[in-house]
Amino acid sequence: MKRGLLLGLVLTFAFSGISLGAAPTEDGASLLEQRCSVCHPSARPKAAKKTPAEWESTVSRMIGKGAQLNAVEKKSLIDYLGKTYKP
């Protein structure tokens, strides 16, 4: 009985597209507005012009200071910043 119930729950999650333990990812623009603006206005990074490598360094430094980004969000933010705010 318990095994069948557990199997049913697993199949429900699998077919509904719900991922256990994975948070939904946001696009880079949303991350910039929501996560970066916790400590400073979003105008600050928007005024900067950096290469993708420089953005990676900046975002890593901000994570070290407490910015809340997981690995997928970090990549999304760096990709967005590198394409949008480049030299």
N, C-alpha and C. Protein backbone atom coordinates (compact mmCIF):
# COMPACT_ATOMS: atom_id res chain seq x y z
N MET A 1 0.83 -1.20 0.00
CA MET A 1 0.00 0.00 0.00
C MET A 1 0.87 1.26 0.00
N LYS A 2 1.83 1.34 0.94
CA LYS A 2 2.70 2.52 1.02
C LYS A 2 3.55 2.66 -0.24
N ARG A 3 4.01 1.53 -0.74
CA ARG A 3 4.85 1.55 -1.93
C ARG A 3 4.05 2.09 -3.12
N GLY A 4 2.81 1.68 -3.25
CA GLY A 4 1.96 2.15 -4.34
C GLY A 4 1.67 3.64 -4.23
N LEU A 5 1.44 4.12 -3.00
CA LEU A 5 1.18 5.54 -2.78
C LEU A 5 2.41 6.37 -3.13
N LEU A 6 3.57 5.89 -2.70
CA LEU A 6 4.81 6.59 -3.01
C LEU A 6 5.05 6.62 -4.52
N LEU A 7 4.83 5.51 -5.19
CA LEU A 7 4.99 5.46 -6.63
C LEU A 7 4.02 6.42 -7.32
N GLY A 8 2.81 6.49 -6.83
CA GLY A 8 1.82 7.41 -7.39
C GLY A 8 2.25 8.86 -7.26
N LEU A 9 2.79 9.22 -6.10
CA LEU A 9 3.27 10.59 -5.90
C LEU A 9 4.44 10.92 -6.82
N VAL A 10 5.37 9.99 -6.94
CA VAL A 10 6.52 10.20 -7.81
C VAL A 10 6.06 10.40 -9.25
N LEU A 11 5.16 9.56 -9.71
CA LEU A 11 4.66 9.68 -11.07
C LEU A 11 3.89 10.98 -11.28
N THR A 12 3.14 11.40 -10.27
CA THR A 12 2.41 12.66 -10.36
C THR A 12 3.37 13.82 -10.56
N PHE A 13 4.44 13.86 -9.77
CA PHE A 13 5.43 14.92 -9.92
C PHE A 13 6.13 14.83 -11.27
N ALA A 14 6.45 13.63 -11.69
CA ALA A 14 7.17 13.45 -12.96
C ALA A 14 6.34 13.93 -14.14
N PHE A 15 5.05 13.61 -14.16
CA PHE A 15 4.22 13.97 -15.29
C PHE A 15 3.66 15.39 -15.21
N SER A 16 3.71 16.00 -14.04
CA SER A 16 3.18 17.35 -13.92
C SER A 16 4.25 18.40 -14.21
N GLY A 17 5.49 17.96 -14.36
CA GLY A 17 6.56 18.90 -14.66
C GLY A 17 7.12 19.56 -13.41
N ILE A 18 6.69 19.13 -12.25
CA ILE A 18 7.20 19.69 -11.00
C ILE A 18 8.51 19.00 -10.67
N SER A 19 9.50 19.78 -10.35
CA SER A 19 10.80 19.24 -10.02
C SER A 19 11.01 19.35 -8.52
N LEU A 20 11.33 18.26 -7.88
CA LEU A 20 11.57 18.28 -6.45
C LEU A 20 12.91 18.93 -6.17
N GLY A 21 12.92 19.92 -5.30
CA GLY A 21 14.15 20.55 -4.87
C GLY A 21 14.72 21.58 -5.83
N ALA A 22 14.09 21.83 -6.92
CA ALA A 22 14.60 22.82 -7.86
C ALA A 22 13.70 24.04 -7.87
N ALA A 23 14.31 25.18 -7.64
CA ALA A 23 13.55 26.42 -7.66
C ALA A 23 13.43 26.91 -9.10
N PRO A 24 12.35 27.58 -9.40
CA PRO A 24 12.22 28.11 -10.75
C PRO A 24 13.30 29.16 -11.01
N THR A 25 13.83 29.16 -12.19
CA THR A 25 14.86 30.14 -12.53
C THR A 25 14.23 31.36 -13.16
N GLU A 26 14.85 32.46 -12.91
CA GLU A 26 14.36 33.72 -13.46
C GLU A 26 15.33 34.20 -14.53
N ASP A 27 14.83 35.06 -15.38
CA ASP A 27 15.72 35.62 -16.40
C ASP A 27 16.65 36.65 -15.76
N GLY A 28 17.72 36.97 -16.48
CA GLY A 28 18.74 37.88 -15.96
C GLY A 28 18.21 39.25 -15.59
N ALA A 29 17.29 39.79 -16.40
CA ALA A 29 16.74 41.12 -16.12
C ALA A 29 15.98 41.12 -14.80
N SER A 30 15.20 40.08 -14.56
CA SER A 30 14.44 39.99 -13.30
C SER A 30 15.38 39.81 -12.12
N LEU A 31 16.42 39.00 -12.30
CA LEU A 31 17.39 38.80 -11.22
C LEU A 31 18.08 40.11 -10.87
N LEU A 32 18.43 40.88 -11.89
CA LEU A 32 19.08 42.17 -11.65
C LEU A 32 18.17 43.07 -10.82
N GLU A 33 16.92 43.16 -11.20
CA GLU A 33 15.98 44.04 -10.49
C GLU A 33 15.65 43.53 -9.09
N GLN A 34 15.50 42.23 -8.93
CA GLN A 34 15.05 41.69 -7.65
C GLN A 34 16.18 41.39 -6.67
N ARG A 35 17.27 40.83 -7.14
CA ARG A 35 18.33 40.40 -6.22
C ARG A 35 19.40 41.46 -6.02
N CYS A 36 19.80 42.12 -7.09
CA CYS A 36 20.89 43.10 -6.98
C CYS A 36 20.42 44.37 -6.29
N SER A 37 19.16 44.73 -6.52
CA SER A 37 18.66 45.98 -5.95
C SER A 37 18.38 45.87 -4.45
N VAL A 38 18.62 44.72 -3.86
CA VAL A 38 18.50 44.58 -2.41
C VAL A 38 19.56 45.44 -1.72
N CYS A 39 20.74 45.52 -2.33
CA CYS A 39 21.85 46.27 -1.72
C CYS A 39 22.15 47.61 -2.39
N HIS A 40 21.81 47.73 -3.67
CA HIS A 40 22.08 48.99 -4.37
C HIS A 40 21.07 49.15 -5.50
N PRO A 41 20.87 50.37 -5.96
CA PRO A 41 19.93 50.58 -7.07
C PRO A 41 20.39 49.83 -8.32
N SER A 42 19.45 49.34 -9.10
CA SER A 42 19.82 48.61 -10.31
C SER A 42 20.49 49.52 -11.33
N ALA A 43 20.36 50.82 -11.16
CA ALA A 43 21.02 51.76 -12.07
C ALA A 43 22.54 51.65 -11.96
N ARG A 44 23.03 51.21 -10.82
CA ARG A 44 24.48 51.11 -10.63
C ARG A 44 25.11 50.11 -11.60
N PRO A 45 24.67 48.85 -11.64
CA PRO A 45 25.26 47.94 -12.63
C PRO A 45 24.88 48.31 -14.06
N LYS A 46 23.72 48.92 -14.25
CA LYS A 46 23.30 49.31 -15.60
C LYS A 46 24.21 50.37 -16.18
N ALA A 47 24.85 51.15 -15.35
CA ALA A 47 25.76 52.20 -15.81
C ALA A 47 27.14 51.65 -16.16
N ALA A 48 27.42 50.42 -15.72
CA ALA A 48 28.74 49.82 -15.97
C ALA A 48 28.77 49.16 -17.34
N LYS A 49 29.91 49.16 -17.95
CA LYS A 49 30.14 48.49 -19.22
C LYS A 49 31.30 47.52 -19.02
N LYS A 50 31.00 46.21 -19.01
CA LYS A 50 32.02 45.21 -18.72
C LYS A 50 31.93 44.04 -19.69
N THR A 51 33.03 43.33 -19.80
CA THR A 51 33.06 42.10 -20.59
C THR A 51 32.39 40.99 -19.77
N PRO A 52 32.01 39.90 -20.40
CA PRO A 52 31.44 38.79 -19.63
C PRO A 52 32.35 38.31 -18.49
N ALA A 53 33.66 38.28 -18.74
CA ALA A 53 34.59 37.86 -17.68
C ALA A 53 34.58 38.85 -16.51
N GLU A 54 34.48 40.13 -16.83
CA GLU A 54 34.42 41.14 -15.76
C GLU A 54 33.11 41.04 -15.00
N TRP A 55 32.00 40.76 -15.71
CA TRP A 55 30.72 40.59 -15.03
C TRP A 55 30.76 39.36 -14.13
N GLU A 56 31.41 38.30 -14.59
CA GLU A 56 31.52 37.09 -13.77
C GLU A 56 32.26 37.40 -12.47
N SER A 57 33.33 38.16 -12.58
CA SER A 57 34.10 38.55 -11.40
C SER A 57 33.26 39.41 -10.46
N THR A 58 32.52 40.35 -11.02
CA THR A 58 31.67 41.24 -10.22
C THR A 58 30.57 40.46 -9.52
N VAL A 59 29.89 39.60 -10.25
CA VAL A 59 28.79 38.82 -9.66
C VAL A 59 29.33 37.88 -8.58
N SER A 60 30.46 37.25 -8.82
CA SER A 60 31.07 36.38 -7.81
C SER A 60 31.42 37.17 -6.55
N ARG A 61 31.94 38.39 -6.74
CA ARG A 61 32.26 39.24 -5.59
C ARG A 61 30.99 39.59 -4.81
N MET A 62 29.91 39.88 -5.52
CA MET A 62 28.64 40.22 -4.87
C MET A 62 28.06 39.01 -4.12
N ILE A 63 28.22 37.83 -4.68
CA ILE A 63 27.78 36.62 -3.97
C ILE A 63 28.58 36.46 -2.69
N GLY A 64 29.88 36.76 -2.76
CA GLY A 64 30.72 36.73 -1.56
C GLY A 64 30.28 37.72 -0.50
N LYS A 65 29.61 38.78 -0.92
CA LYS A 65 29.11 39.80 0.01
C LYS A 65 27.68 39.51 0.44
N GLY A 66 27.11 38.40 -0.06
CA GLY A 66 25.78 38.02 0.41
C GLY A 66 24.67 37.97 -0.62
N ALA A 67 24.95 38.27 -1.88
CA ALA A 67 23.91 38.18 -2.91
C ALA A 67 23.40 36.74 -2.98
N GLN A 68 22.10 36.59 -3.04
CA GLN A 68 21.48 35.27 -3.02
C GLN A 68 21.20 34.80 -4.45
N LEU A 69 22.15 34.06 -5.01
CA LEU A 69 22.00 33.49 -6.35
C LEU A 69 22.54 32.07 -6.35
N ASN A 70 21.76 31.15 -6.91
CA ASN A 70 22.30 29.80 -7.07
C ASN A 70 23.11 29.78 -8.36
N ALA A 71 23.71 28.64 -8.68
CA ALA A 71 24.60 28.55 -9.84
C ALA A 71 23.89 28.85 -11.16
N VAL A 72 22.67 28.37 -11.31
CA VAL A 72 21.91 28.61 -12.55
C VAL A 72 21.55 30.09 -12.66
N GLU A 73 21.12 30.69 -11.55
CA GLU A 73 20.77 32.12 -11.56
C GLU A 73 22.01 32.97 -11.83
N LYS A 74 23.13 32.58 -11.25
CA LYS A 74 24.38 33.31 -11.48
C LYS A 74 24.72 33.33 -12.97
N LYS A 75 24.65 32.18 -13.61
CA LYS A 75 24.95 32.09 -15.04
C LYS A 75 23.98 32.94 -15.85
N SER A 76 22.70 32.86 -15.51
CA SER A 76 21.68 33.64 -16.22
C SER A 76 21.95 35.13 -16.08
N LEU A 77 22.29 35.57 -14.89
CA LEU A 77 22.57 36.99 -14.65
C LEU A 77 23.81 37.44 -15.41
N ILE A 78 24.87 36.64 -15.35
CA ILE A 78 26.11 37.00 -16.05
C ILE A 78 25.88 37.06 -17.56
N ASP A 79 25.14 36.09 -18.10
CA ASP A 79 24.84 36.10 -19.53
C ASP A 79 24.08 37.36 -19.91
N TYR A 80 23.08 37.71 -19.10
CA TYR A 80 22.27 38.92 -19.37
C TYR A 80 23.15 40.17 -19.29
N LEU A 81 23.91 40.30 -18.23
CA LEU A 81 24.75 41.49 -18.06
C LEU A 81 25.78 41.59 -19.19
N GLY A 82 26.39 40.46 -19.54
CA GLY A 82 27.41 40.45 -20.59
C GLY A 82 26.87 40.84 -21.95
N LYS A 83 25.62 40.49 -22.24
CA LYS A 83 25.03 40.83 -23.53
C LYS A 83 24.43 42.23 -23.55
N THR A 84 23.96 42.67 -22.41
CA THR A 84 23.24 43.96 -22.35
C THR A 84 24.13 45.14 -21.99
N TYR A 85 25.07 44.94 -21.09
CA TYR A 85 25.90 46.04 -20.60
C TYR A 85 27.36 45.74 -20.92
N LYS A 86 27.68 45.79 -22.21
CA LYS A 86 29.04 45.48 -22.66
C LYS A 86 29.74 46.74 -23.12
N PRO A 87 31.06 46.70 -23.14
CA PRO A 87 31.84 47.87 -23.59
C PRO A 87 31.60 48.19 -25.06
